Amino acid sequence: MEADNDDSDTESKSKEGVTLDSCFAGYQNLDTLSGDNQYYCRTCKEHTDSTKKLEIYRVPKLMMIQLKRFA
């Protein structure tokens, strides 16, 4: 029975869909690098906790977007 609940959750998510705006917003979120994923600083030669963020400053006249489907 529990598997049926998982299927209904997946169906409701796929019916709602995801907007391109929400994808760009998620792309711009801050990621924390810590633990095994720490940033290595070449200057101080140590692994340190840090954050990273990707931003699009200028959008080209023609932008190709690859859509991927994840389960």
PDB file of N, CA and C in Angstrom:
ATOM      1  N   MET A   1       0.808  -1.197   0.000  1.00  0.00           N
ATOM      2  CA  MET A   1       0.000   0.000   0.000  1.00  0.00           C
ATOM      3  C   MET A   1       0.848   1.256   0.000  1.00  0.00           C
ATOM      4  N   GLU A   2       1.997   1.181   0.645  1.00  0.00           N
ATOM      5  CA  GLU A   2       2.843   2.357   0.721  1.00  0.00           C
ATOM      6  C   GLU A   2       3.352   2.764  -0.661  1.00  0.00           C
ATOM      7  N   ALA A   3       3.578   1.790  -1.536  1.00  0.00           N
ATOM      8  CA  ALA A   3       4.033   2.096  -2.893  1.00  0.00           C
ATOM      9  C   ALA A   3       2.979   2.878  -3.661  1.00  0.00           C
ATOM     10  N   ASP A   4       1.685   2.588  -3.389  1.00  0.00           N
ATOM     11  CA  ASP A   4       0.616   3.320  -4.056  1.00  0.00           C
ATOM     12  C   ASP A   4       0.646   4.792  -3.686  1.00  0.00           C
ATOM     13  N   ASN A   5       0.956   5.086  -2.419  1.00  0.00           N
ATOM     14  CA  ASN A   5       1.041   6.478  -1.984  1.00  0.00           C
ATOM     15  C   ASN A   5       2.172   7.200  -2.702  1.00  0.00           C
ATOM     16  N   ASP A   6       3.303   6.527  -2.894  1.00  0.00           N
ATOM     17  CA  ASP A   6       4.419   7.140  -3.601  1.00  0.00           C
ATOM     18  C   ASP A   6       4.048   7.461  -5.041  1.00  0.00           C
ATOM     19  N   ASP A   7       3.287   6.554  -5.683  1.00  0.00           N
ATOM     20  CA  ASP A   7       2.869   6.781  -7.065  1.00  0.00           C
ATOM     21  C   ASP A   7       1.929   7.976  -7.161  1.00  0.00           C
ATOM     22  N   SER A   8       1.018   8.111  -6.211  1.00  0.00           N
ATOM     23  CA  SER A   8       0.081   9.232  -6.262  1.00  0.00           C
ATOM     24  C   SER A   8       0.805  10.550  -6.030  1.00  0.00           C
ATOM     25  N   ASP A   9       1.840  10.553  -5.173  1.00  0.00           N
ATOM     26  CA  ASP A   9       2.638  11.763  -4.971  1.00  0.00           C
ATOM     27  C   ASP A   9       3.339  12.161  -6.254  1.00  0.00           C
ATOM     28  N   THR A  10       3.901  11.191  -6.962  1.00  0.00           N
ATOM     29  CA  THR A  10       4.601  11.454  -8.204  1.00  0.00           C
ATOM     30  C   THR A  10       3.634  11.984  -9.258  1.00  0.00           C
ATOM     31  N   GLU A  11       2.431  11.399  -9.316  1.00  0.00           N
ATOM     32  CA  GLU A  11       1.439  11.850 -10.285  1.00  0.00           C
ATOM     33  C   GLU A  11       1.020  13.287 -10.018  1.00  0.00           C
ATOM     34  N   SER A  12       0.809  13.647  -8.754  1.00  0.00           N
ATOM     35  CA  SER A  12       0.382  15.011  -8.448  1.00  0.00           C
ATOM     36  C   SER A  12       1.482  16.010  -8.766  1.00  0.00           C
ATOM     37  N   LYS A  13       2.744  15.641  -8.552  1.00  0.00           N
ATOM     38  CA  LYS A  13       3.856  16.528  -8.884  1.00  0.00           C
ATOM     39  C   LYS A  13       3.954  16.718 -10.392  1.00  0.00           C
ATOM     40  N   SER A  14       3.773  15.643 -11.153  1.00  0.00           N
ATOM     41  CA  SER A  14       3.883  15.764 -12.601  1.00  0.00           C
ATOM     42  C   SER A  14       2.711  16.556 -13.181  1.00  0.00           C
ATOM     43  N   LYS A  15       1.548  16.498 -12.561  1.00  0.00           N
ATOM     44  CA  LYS A  15       0.410  17.279 -13.033  1.00  0.00           C
ATOM     45  C   LYS A  15       0.619  18.759 -12.765  1.00  0.00           C
ATOM     46  N   GLU A  16       1.262  19.086 -11.622  1.00  0.00           N
ATOM     47  CA  GLU A  16       1.523  20.478 -11.299  1.00  0.00           C
ATOM     48  C   GLU A  16       2.546  21.064 -12.257  1.00  0.00           C
ATOM     49  N   GLY A  17       3.560  20.308 -12.594  1.00  0.00           N
ATOM     50  CA  GLY A  17       4.597  20.770 -13.495  1.00  0.00           C
ATOM     51  C   GLY A  17       5.592  21.686 -12.813  1.00  0.00           C
ATOM     52  N   VAL A  18       6.611  22.040 -13.530  1.00  0.00           N
ATOM     53  CA  VAL A  18       7.668  22.923 -13.045  1.00  0.00           C
ATOM     54  C   VAL A  18       7.835  24.034 -14.061  1.00  0.00           C
ATOM     55  N   THR A  19       7.887  25.268 -13.599  1.00  0.00           N
ATOM     56  CA  THR A  19       8.037  26.394 -14.519  1.00  0.00           C
ATOM     57  C   THR A  19       9.518  26.667 -14.766  1.00  0.00           C
ATOM     58  N   LEU A  20       9.792  27.304 -15.870  1.00  0.00           N
ATOM     59  CA  LEU A  20      11.160  27.676 -16.210  1.00  0.00           C
ATOM     60  C   LEU A  20      11.693  28.699 -15.207  1.00  0.00           C
ATOM     61  N   ASP A  21      10.828  29.588 -14.740  1.00  0.00           N
ATOM     62  CA  ASP A  21      11.228  30.572 -13.723  1.00  0.00           C
ATOM     63  C   ASP A  21      11.682  29.889 -12.435  1.00  0.00           C
ATOM     64  N   SER A  22      10.956  28.845 -12.007  1.00  0.00           N
ATOM     65  CA  SER A  22      11.344  28.146 -10.779  1.00  0.00           C
ATOM     66  C   SER A  22      12.661  27.396 -10.969  1.00  0.00           C
ATOM     67  N   CYS A  23      12.925  26.926 -12.182  1.00  0.00           N
ATOM     68  CA  CYS A  23      14.209  26.268 -12.463  1.00  0.00           C
ATOM     69  C   CYS A  23      15.362  27.262 -12.357  1.00  0.00           C
ATOM     70  N   PHE A  24      15.192  28.457 -12.917  1.00  0.00           N
ATOM     71  CA  PHE A  24      16.231  29.483 -12.814  1.00  0.00           C
ATOM     72  C   PHE A  24      16.418  29.931 -11.371  1.00  0.00           C
ATOM     73  N   ALA A  25      15.339  30.038 -10.620  1.00  0.00           N
ATOM     74  CA  ALA A  25      15.431  30.424  -9.212  1.00  0.00           C
ATOM     75  C   ALA A  25      16.205  29.368  -8.429  1.00  0.00           C
ATOM     76  N   GLY A  26      15.942  28.093  -8.694  1.00  0.00           N
ATOM     77  CA  GLY A  26      16.676  27.018  -8.031  1.00  0.00           C
ATOM     78  C   GLY A  26      18.134  26.978  -8.438  1.00  0.00           C
ATOM     79  N   TYR A  27      18.409  27.373  -9.658  1.00  0.00           N
ATOM     80  CA  TYR A  27      19.778  27.406 -10.176  1.00  0.00           C
ATOM     81  C   TYR A  27      20.606  28.459  -9.461  1.00  0.00           C
ATOM     82  N   GLN A  28      19.954  29.513  -8.984  1.00  0.00           N
ATOM     83  CA  GLN A  28      20.656  30.617  -8.349  1.00  0.00           C
ATOM     84  C   GLN A  28      20.749  30.483  -6.831  1.00  0.00           C
ATOM     85  N   ASN A  29      20.269  29.385  -6.257  1.00  0.00           N
ATOM     86  CA  ASN A  29      20.346  29.194  -4.810  1.00  0.00           C
ATOM     87  C   ASN A  29      21.786  29.059  -4.352  1.00  0.00           C
ATOM     88  N   LEU A  30      22.038  29.466  -3.120  1.00  0.00           N
ATOM     89  CA  LEU A  30      23.357  29.293  -2.517  1.00  0.00           C
ATOM     90  C   LEU A  30      23.546  27.829  -2.142  1.00  0.00           C
ATOM     91  N   ASP A  31      24.706  27.270  -2.454  1.00  0.00           N
ATOM     92  CA  ASP A  31      25.071  25.921  -2.045  1.00  0.00           C
ATOM     93  C   ASP A  31      26.161  26.034  -0.999  1.00  0.00           C
ATOM     94  N   THR A  32      26.008  25.315   0.114  1.00  0.00           N
ATOM     95  CA  THR A  32      27.016  25.317   1.164  1.00  0.00           C
ATOM     96  C   THR A  32      27.957  24.147   0.940  1.00  0.00           C
ATOM     97  N   LEU A  33      29.237  24.442   0.894  1.00  0.00           N
ATOM     98  CA  LEU A  33      30.261  23.418   0.736  1.00  0.00           C
ATOM     99  C   LEU A  33      30.872  23.168   2.107  1.00  0.00           C
ATOM    100  N   SER A  34      30.587  22.001   2.670  1.00  0.00           N
ATOM    101  CA  SER A  34      31.109  21.665   3.985  1.00  0.00           C
ATOM    102  C   SER A  34      31.316  20.159   4.086  1.00  0.00           C
ATOM    103  N   GLY A  35      31.951  19.728   5.149  1.00  0.00           N
ATOM    104  CA  GLY A  35      32.201  18.305   5.349  1.00  0.00           C
ATOM    105  C   GLY A  35      33.135  17.751   4.283  1.00  0.00           C
ATOM    106  N   ASP A  36      32.711  16.679   3.609  1.00  0.00           N
ATOM    107  CA  ASP A  36      33.526  16.058   2.552  1.00  0.00           C
ATOM    108  C   ASP A  36      33.560  16.903   1.282  1.00  0.00           C
ATOM    109  N   ASN A  37      32.713  17.904   1.192  1.00  0.00           N
ATOM    110  CA  ASN A  37      32.597  18.724  -0.007  1.00  0.00           C
ATOM    111  C   ASN A  37      33.200  20.123   0.187  1.00  0.00           C
ATOM    112  N   GLN A  38      34.165  20.265   1.090  1.00  0.00           N
ATOM    113  CA  GLN A  38      34.756  21.569   1.383  1.00  0.00           C
ATOM    114  C   GLN A  38      35.591  22.070   0.210  1.00  0.00           C
ATOM    115  N   TYR A  39      35.691  23.396   0.130  1.00  0.00           N
ATOM    116  CA  TYR A  39      36.492  24.060  -0.890  1.00  0.00           C
ATOM    117  C   TYR A  39      37.960  24.045  -0.476  1.00  0.00           C
ATOM    118  N   TYR A  40      38.852  23.739  -1.405  1.00  0.00           N
ATOM    119  CA  TYR A  40      40.286  23.752  -1.122  1.00  0.00           C
ATOM    120  C   TYR A  40      40.855  25.103  -1.555  1.00  0.00           C
ATOM    121  N   CYS A  41      41.389  25.842  -0.607  1.00  0.00           N
ATOM    122  CA  CYS A  41      41.988  27.143  -0.879  1.00  0.00           C
ATOM    123  C   CYS A  41      43.466  26.940  -1.188  1.00  0.00           C
ATOM    124  N   ARG A  42      43.871  27.329  -2.394  1.00  0.00           N
ATOM    125  CA  ARG A  42      45.262  27.144  -2.803  1.00  0.00           C
ATOM    126  C   ARG A  42      46.197  28.102  -2.083  1.00  0.00           C
ATOM    127  N   THR A  43      45.673  29.233  -1.628  1.00  0.00           N
ATOM    128  CA  THR A  43      46.500  30.217  -0.933  1.00  0.00           C
ATOM    129  C   THR A  43      46.882  29.726   0.463  1.00  0.00           C
ATOM    130  N   CYS A  44      45.881  29.338   1.255  1.00  0.00           N
ATOM    131  CA  CYS A  44      46.167  28.880   2.616  1.00  0.00           C
ATOM    132  C   CYS A  44      46.364  27.371   2.708  1.00  0.00           C
ATOM    133  N   LYS A  45      46.171  26.667   1.587  1.00  0.00           N
ATOM    134  CA  LYS A  45      46.371  25.218   1.481  1.00  0.00           C
ATOM    135  C   LYS A  45      45.578  24.434   2.531  1.00  0.00           C
ATOM    136  N   GLU A  46      44.332  24.821   2.695  1.00  0.00           N
ATOM    137  CA  GLU A  46      43.427  24.136   3.618  1.00  0.00           C
ATOM    138  C   GLU A  46      42.045  23.993   2.995  1.00  0.00           C
ATOM    139  N   HIS A  47      41.314  22.999   3.477  1.00  0.00           N
ATOM    140  CA  HIS A  47      39.914  22.852   3.093  1.00  0.00           C
ATOM    141  C   HIS A  47      39.088  23.710   4.041  1.00  0.00           C
ATOM    142  N   THR A  48      38.192  24.514   3.501  1.00  0.00           N
ATOM    143  CA  THR A  48      37.372  25.402   4.319  1.00  0.00           C
ATOM    144  C   THR A  48      35.903  25.319   3.912  1.00  0.00           C
ATOM    145  N   ASP A  49      35.023  25.577   4.874  1.00  0.00           N
ATOM    146  CA  ASP A  49      33.597  25.670   4.567  1.00  0.00           C
ATOM    147  C   ASP A  49      33.370  26.947   3.766  1.00  0.00           C
ATOM    148  N   SER A  50      32.511  26.875   2.787  1.00  0.00           N
ATOM    149  CA  SER A  50      32.237  28.048   1.961  1.00  0.00           C
ATOM    150  C   SER A  50      30.872  27.894   1.296  1.00  0.00           C
ATOM    151  N   THR A  51      30.476  28.913   0.558  1.00  0.00           N
ATOM    152  CA  THR A  51      29.233  28.857  -0.209  1.00  0.00           C
ATOM    153  C   THR A  51      29.543  29.198  -1.665  1.00  0.00           C
ATOM    154  N   LYS A  52      28.710  28.680  -2.556  1.00  0.00           N
ATOM    155  CA  LYS A  52      28.862  29.015  -3.969  1.00  0.00           C
ATOM    156  C   LYS A  52      27.492  29.361  -4.530  1.00  0.00           C
ATOM    157  N   LYS A  53      27.508  30.213  -5.538  1.00  0.00           N
ATOM    158  CA  LYS A  53      26.273  30.633  -6.191  1.00  0.00           C
ATOM    159  C   LYS A  53      26.565  30.872  -7.662  1.00  0.00           C
ATOM    160  N   LEU A  54      25.721  30.354  -8.509  1.00  0.00           N
ATOM    161  CA  LEU A  54      25.857  30.550  -9.948  1.00  0.00           C
ATOM    162  C   LEU A  54      24.841  31.582 -10.391  1.00  0.00           C
ATOM    163  N   GLU A  55      25.288  32.525 -11.208  1.00  0.00           N
ATOM    164  CA  GLU A  55      24.398  33.576 -11.704  1.00  0.00           C
ATOM    165  C   GLU A  55      24.588  33.768 -13.200  1.00  0.00           C
ATOM    166  N   ILE A  56      23.535  34.198 -13.846  1.00  0.00           N
ATOM    167  CA  ILE A  56      23.600  34.549 -15.256  1.00  0.00           C
ATOM    168  C   ILE A  56      23.561  36.070 -15.324  1.00  0.00           C
ATOM    169  N   TYR A  57      24.666  36.684 -15.754  1.00  0.00           N
ATOM    170  CA  TYR A  57      24.745  38.140 -15.813  1.00  0.00           C
ATOM    171  C   TYR A  57      24.145  38.691 -17.100  1.00  0.00           C
ATOM    172  N   ARG A  58      24.475  38.063 -18.213  1.00  0.00           N
ATOM    173  CA  ARG A  58      23.940  38.486 -19.513  1.00  0.00           C
ATOM    174  C   ARG A  58      23.350  37.276 -20.209  1.00  0.00           C
ATOM    175  N   VAL A  59      22.173  37.437 -20.718  1.00  0.00           N
ATOM    176  CA  VAL A  59      21.516  36.353 -21.448  1.00  0.00           C
ATOM    177  C   VAL A  59      21.808  36.545 -22.932  1.00  0.00           C
ATOM    178  N   PRO A  60      22.255  35.498 -23.618  1.00  0.00           N
ATOM    179  CA  PRO A  60      22.530  35.632 -25.047  1.00  0.00           C
ATOM    180  C   PRO A  60      21.240  35.811 -25.852  1.00  0.00           C
ATOM    181  N   LYS A  61      21.387  36.278 -27.081  1.00  0.00           N
ATOM    182  CA  LYS A  61      20.216  36.451 -27.948  1.00  0.00           C
ATOM    183  C   LYS A  61      19.516  35.121 -28.189  1.00  0.00           C
ATOM    184  N   LEU A  62      20.297  34.072 -28.297  1.00  0.00           N
ATOM    185  CA  LEU A  62      19.758  32.730 -28.490  1.00  0.00           C
ATOM    186  C   LEU A  62      20.314  31.838 -27.383  1.00  0.00           C
ATOM    187  N   MET A  63      19.428  31.319 -26.552  1.00  0.00           N
ATOM    188  CA  MET A  63      19.866  30.472 -25.450  1.00  0.00           C
ATOM    189  C   MET A  63      19.200  29.115 -25.582  1.00  0.00           C
ATOM    190  N   MET A  64      20.007  28.086 -25.629  1.00  0.00           N
ATOM    191  CA  MET A  64      19.479  26.728 -25.723  1.00  0.00           C
ATOM    192  C   MET A  64      19.388  26.154 -24.315  1.00  0.00           C
ATOM    193  N   ILE A  65      18.248  25.578 -24.009  1.00  0.00           N
ATOM    194  CA  ILE A  65      18.014  25.000 -22.696  1.00  0.00           C
ATOM    195  C   ILE A  65      17.733  23.524 -22.881  1.00  0.00           C
ATOM    196  N   GLN A  66      18.486  22.708 -22.158  1.00  0.00           N
ATOM    197  CA  GLN A  66      18.294  21.262 -22.224  1.00  0.00           C
ATOM    198  C   GLN A  66      17.379  20.862 -21.079  1.00  0.00           C
ATOM    199  N   LEU A  67      16.259  20.252 -21.406  1.00  0.00           N
ATOM    200  CA  LEU A  67      15.313  19.813 -20.402  1.00  0.00           C
ATOM    201  C   LEU A  67      15.573  18.348 -20.066  1.00  0.00           C
ATOM    202  N   LYS A  68      15.683  18.072 -18.769  1.00  0.00           N
ATOM    203  CA  LYS A  68      15.929  16.709 -18.322  1.00  0.00           C
ATOM    204  C   LYS A  68      14.766  16.269 -17.449  1.00  0.00           C
ATOM    205  N   ARG A  69      14.486  15.023 -17.490  1.00  0.00           N
ATOM    206  CA  ARG A  69      13.394  14.479 -16.702  1.00  0.00           C
ATOM    207  C   ARG A  69      13.973  13.558 -15.642  1.00  0.00           C
ATOM    208  N   PHE A  70      13.678  13.838 -14.395  1.00  0.00           N
ATOM    209  CA  PHE A  70      14.186  13.028 -13.298  1.00  0.00           C
ATOM    210  C   PHE A  70      13.016  12.332 -12.606  1.00  0.00           C
ATOM    211  N   ALA A  71      13.283  11.133 -12.166  1.00  0.00           N
ATOM    212  CA  ALA A  71      12.229  10.361 -11.477  1.00  0.00           C
ATOM    213  C   ALA A  71      12.294  10.596  -9.994  1.00  0.00           C
TER     214      ALA A  71
END
